[in-house]
Amino acid sequence: MATESSSSSSAAVTERRGIPGAQFVEDVQTYLTQLGLDVNSALAFLQERLQQYKLVEMKLQAQQRDLQAKIPDIEKCLDVVATLQAKKGTGEELITDFEVSEGIYSRASIDDTDSVCLWLGANVMLEYSCEEATALLQKNLDNARASLEVLLADLQFLRDQVTITQVTIARVYNWDVHQRRLRQSPPKDL
């Protein structure tokens, strides 16, 4: 057999942000002997790795949902600060409805203002000038978008690893079934 020496693809197994890369197996026999595992142990290892990938995928998807919810909120805050800056110096007051609690709104009249209060979380609210607030919100928006982009790339890498692992599981299982059939069938005389 000329291809016996190539047990896995020539592409190196990589890692991305702590997510180990999956190894594509071309030759199952060589793969099993290199790892020193029998078929059941190899399948158990691959199933465990697949479950780890699924767990990481769930965590990344939760982070993705959080970021996708955060970005519109930041954009809305930027729009409010921009509206306040646009009304500044015109002498007219701004009438707005704001949410006091979930589903409860109140009407407010906002006179000319040079500052806004931003909720930072963890029961912390700070007062910023409109310019500082715009700069901070824009920085947070840029960071959130960059984080979402990296997260989407991580999810794609993870999906690729799940697919490779599933294919490897199928290849090992099918190889085992084939080997059992060869052992059970009597040799044919030619």
Protein backbone atom coordinates (compact mmCIF):
# COMPACT_ATOMS: atom_id res chain seq x y z
CA MET A 1 0.00 0.00 0.00
CA ALA A 2 1.58 3.19 -1.15
CA THR A 3 -0.68 5.51 0.86
CA GLU A 4 -0.17 3.77 4.18
CA SER A 5 2.16 6.49 5.45
CA SER A 6 -0.42 9.26 5.13
CA SER A 7 -2.80 8.75 8.05
CA SER A 8 -4.28 12.20 8.06
CA SER A 9 -4.52 15.15 5.76
CA SER A 10 -1.39 17.13 5.17
CA ALA A 11 -2.99 20.24 6.66
CA ALA A 12 -1.79 20.74 10.20
CA VAL A 13 -4.28 20.59 13.05
CA THR A 14 -4.70 24.17 14.22
CA GLU A 15 -6.16 25.93 17.18
CA ARG A 16 -8.21 29.12 17.29
CA ARG A 17 -8.63 31.03 20.55
CA GLY A 18 -8.42 27.90 22.66
CA ILE A 19 -10.61 25.76 20.39
CA PRO A 20 -8.56 22.73 19.32
CA GLY A 21 -8.63 21.79 15.68
CA ALA A 22 -10.05 18.48 14.55
CA GLN A 23 -7.90 16.06 12.60
CA PHE A 24 -9.31 14.69 9.35
CA VAL A 25 -8.55 10.98 9.11
CA GLU A 26 -7.75 9.54 5.70
CA ASP A 27 -6.49 6.12 6.82
CA VAL A 28 -8.35 4.83 9.87
CA GLN A 29 -6.01 1.88 10.50
CA THR A 30 -2.94 4.11 10.69
CA TYR A 31 -4.85 6.66 12.79
CA LEU A 32 -5.79 4.01 15.35
CA THR A 33 -2.27 2.55 15.54
CA GLN A 34 -0.69 6.00 15.90
CA LEU A 35 -3.00 6.84 18.79
CA GLY A 36 -2.73 3.36 20.26
CA LEU A 37 -6.49 3.08 20.57
CA ASP A 38 -9.02 0.47 19.66
CA VAL A 39 -12.15 1.42 17.71
CA ASN A 40 -14.39 1.82 20.76
CA SER A 41 -11.88 4.04 22.56
CA ALA A 42 -11.38 6.16 19.46
CA LEU A 43 -15.13 6.55 18.97
CA ALA A 44 -15.56 7.49 22.65
CA PHE A 45 -12.76 10.05 22.35
CA LEU A 46 -14.30 11.54 19.19
CA GLN A 47 -17.79 11.64 20.72
CA GLU A 48 -16.41 13.41 23.78
CA ARG A 49 -14.62 15.94 21.57
CA LEU A 50 -17.85 16.47 19.61
CA GLN A 51 -19.74 17.19 22.84
CA GLN A 52 -17.04 19.68 23.87
CA TYR A 53 -17.42 21.43 20.52
CA LYS A 54 -21.20 21.58 20.97
CA LEU A 55 -20.80 23.08 24.45
CA VAL A 56 -18.40 25.74 23.21
CA GLU A 57 -20.77 26.45 20.30
CA MET A 58 -23.65 27.06 22.72
CA LYS A 59 -21.53 29.48 24.75
CA LEU A 60 -20.40 31.37 21.65
CA GLN A 61 -23.98 31.58 20.38
CA ALA A 62 -25.06 33.08 23.72
CA GLN A 63 -22.28 35.67 23.42
CA GLN A 64 -23.40 36.37 19.87
CA ARG A 65 -27.00 36.98 21.02
CA ASP A 66 -25.77 39.32 23.75
CA LEU A 67 -23.65 41.33 21.31
CA GLN A 68 -26.42 41.47 18.73
CA ALA A 69 -28.73 42.87 21.41
CA LYS A 70 -26.11 45.33 22.69
CA ILE A 71 -25.28 46.91 19.32
CA PRO A 72 -28.77 48.36 18.65
CA ASP A 73 -28.88 49.72 22.22
CA ILE A 74 -25.58 51.54 21.74
CA GLU A 75 -26.74 52.89 18.36
CA LYS A 76 -29.96 54.13 19.99
CA CYS A 77 -27.96 55.90 22.72
CA LEU A 78 -25.75 57.52 20.06
CA ASP A 79 -28.86 58.76 18.27
CA VAL A 80 -30.25 60.25 21.50
CA VAL A 81 -27.00 62.07 22.26
CA ALA A 82 -26.86 63.34 18.66
CA THR A 83 -30.44 64.63 18.97
CA LEU A 84 -29.57 66.40 22.23
CA GLN A 85 -26.55 68.00 20.57
CA ALA A 86 -28.63 69.08 17.58
CA LYS A 87 -31.25 70.72 19.84
CA LYS A 88 -28.59 72.42 21.96
CA GLY A 89 -28.57 76.17 21.47
CA THR A 90 -31.86 76.31 19.54
CA GLY A 91 -33.83 77.38 22.59
CA GLU A 92 -36.59 74.82 22.02
CA GLU A 93 -37.12 72.08 24.54
CA LEU A 94 -37.18 68.44 23.59
CA ILE A 95 -40.28 66.44 24.56
CA THR A 96 -39.68 62.71 24.82
CA ASP A 97 -41.10 59.52 26.29
CA PHE A 98 -38.66 57.36 28.22
CA GLU A 99 -38.92 53.93 29.76
CA VAL A 100 -39.07 54.01 33.56
CA SER A 101 -39.52 50.28 33.93
CA GLU A 102 -40.40 47.45 31.61
CA GLY A 103 -43.57 48.57 29.83
CA ILE A 104 -43.90 51.78 31.87
CA TYR A 105 -43.12 55.08 30.14
CA SER A 106 -43.13 58.68 31.24
CA ARG A 107 -43.07 61.94 29.32
CA ALA A 108 -40.19 64.35 29.93
CA SER A 109 -39.22 67.80 28.81
CA ILE A 110 -35.47 68.29 28.27
CA ASP A 111 -34.07 71.81 28.23
CA ASP A 112 -30.68 72.71 26.77
CA THR A 113 -28.10 70.47 28.35
CA ASP A 114 -24.35 70.12 28.08
CA SER A 115 -24.16 66.69 29.67
CA VAL A 116 -25.80 63.27 29.71
CA CYS A 117 -25.76 60.42 32.19
CA LEU A 118 -24.74 57.01 30.86
CA TRP A 119 -25.59 53.76 32.59
CA LEU A 120 -22.38 51.76 32.76
CA GLY A 121 -23.86 48.72 34.48
CA ALA A 122 -23.30 47.25 37.93
CA ASN A 123 -25.44 50.05 39.40
CA VAL A 124 -23.05 52.71 38.09
CA MET A 125 -24.15 55.80 36.20
CA LEU A 126 -21.75 58.59 35.22
CA GLU A 127 -22.30 62.05 33.84
CA TYR A 128 -20.43 62.92 30.64
CA SER A 129 -20.37 65.91 28.38
CA CYS A 130 -22.21 65.24 25.10
CA GLU A 131 -18.89 65.06 23.22
CA GLU A 132 -17.36 62.63 25.72
CA ALA A 133 -20.52 60.52 25.68
CA THR A 134 -20.48 60.37 21.88
CA ALA A 135 -16.81 59.36 21.86
CA LEU A 136 -17.36 56.69 24.53
CA LEU A 137 -20.46 55.27 22.85
CA GLN A 138 -18.76 55.21 19.45
CA LYS A 139 -15.77 53.40 20.95
CA ASN A 140 -18.10 50.87 22.60
CA LEU A 141 -19.97 50.38 19.33
CA ASP A 142 -16.74 49.81 17.40
CA ASN A 143 -15.55 47.32 20.05
CA ALA A 144 -18.88 45.47 20.01
CA ARG A 145 -18.84 45.20 16.21
CA ALA A 146 -15.23 43.98 16.22
CA SER A 147 -16.04 41.43 18.93
CA LEU A 148 -19.03 40.21 16.93
CA GLU A 149 -16.86 39.81 13.84
CA VAL A 150 -14.29 37.73 15.76
CA LEU A 151 -17.09 35.72 17.36
CA LEU A 152 -18.63 34.93 13.98
CA ALA A 153 -15.23 33.74 12.71
CA ASP A 154 -14.86 31.56 15.83
CA LEU A 155 -18.31 30.07 15.24
CA GLN A 156 -17.44 29.28 11.63
CA PHE A 157 -14.17 27.62 12.70
CA LEU A 158 -16.08 25.65 15.32
CA ARG A 159 -18.70 24.49 12.81
CA ASP A 160 -15.89 23.28 10.56
CA GLN A 161 -14.39 21.31 13.45
CA VAL A 162 -17.78 19.78 14.27
CA THR A 163 -18.17 18.68 10.64
CA ILE A 164 -14.66 17.19 10.51
CA THR A 165 -15.26 15.35 13.78
CA GLN A 166 -18.60 13.97 12.59
CA VAL A 167 -17.02 12.77 9.35
CA THR A 168 -14.18 11.15 11.29
CA ILE A 169 -16.65 9.38 13.59
CA ALA A 170 -18.49 8.04 10.54
CA ARG A 171 -15.25 6.93 8.88
CA VAL A 172 -14.03 5.09 12.01
CA TYR A 173 -17.41 3.44 12.53
CA ASN A 174 -17.71 2.39 8.88
CA TRP A 175 -14.14 1.06 8.91
CA ASP A 176 -14.98 -1.02 11.98
CA VAL A 177 -18.13 -2.42 10.35
CA HIS A 178 -16.11 -3.29 7.24
CA GLN A 179 -13.41 -5.01 9.32
CA ARG A 180 -16.02 -7.08 11.20
CA ARG A 181 -17.60 -8.20 7.95
CA LEU A 182 -14.19 -9.23 6.59
CA ARG A 183 -13.53 -11.31 9.72
CA GLN A 184 -16.95 -12.98 9.59
CA SER A 185 -17.03 -13.81 5.89
CA PRO A 186 -15.20 -16.97 4.81
CA PRO A 187 -12.39 -16.52 2.29
CA LYS A 188 -13.48 -17.10 -1.29
CA ASP A 189 -11.54 -19.53 -3.44
CA LEU A 190 -10.69 -18.35 -6.89
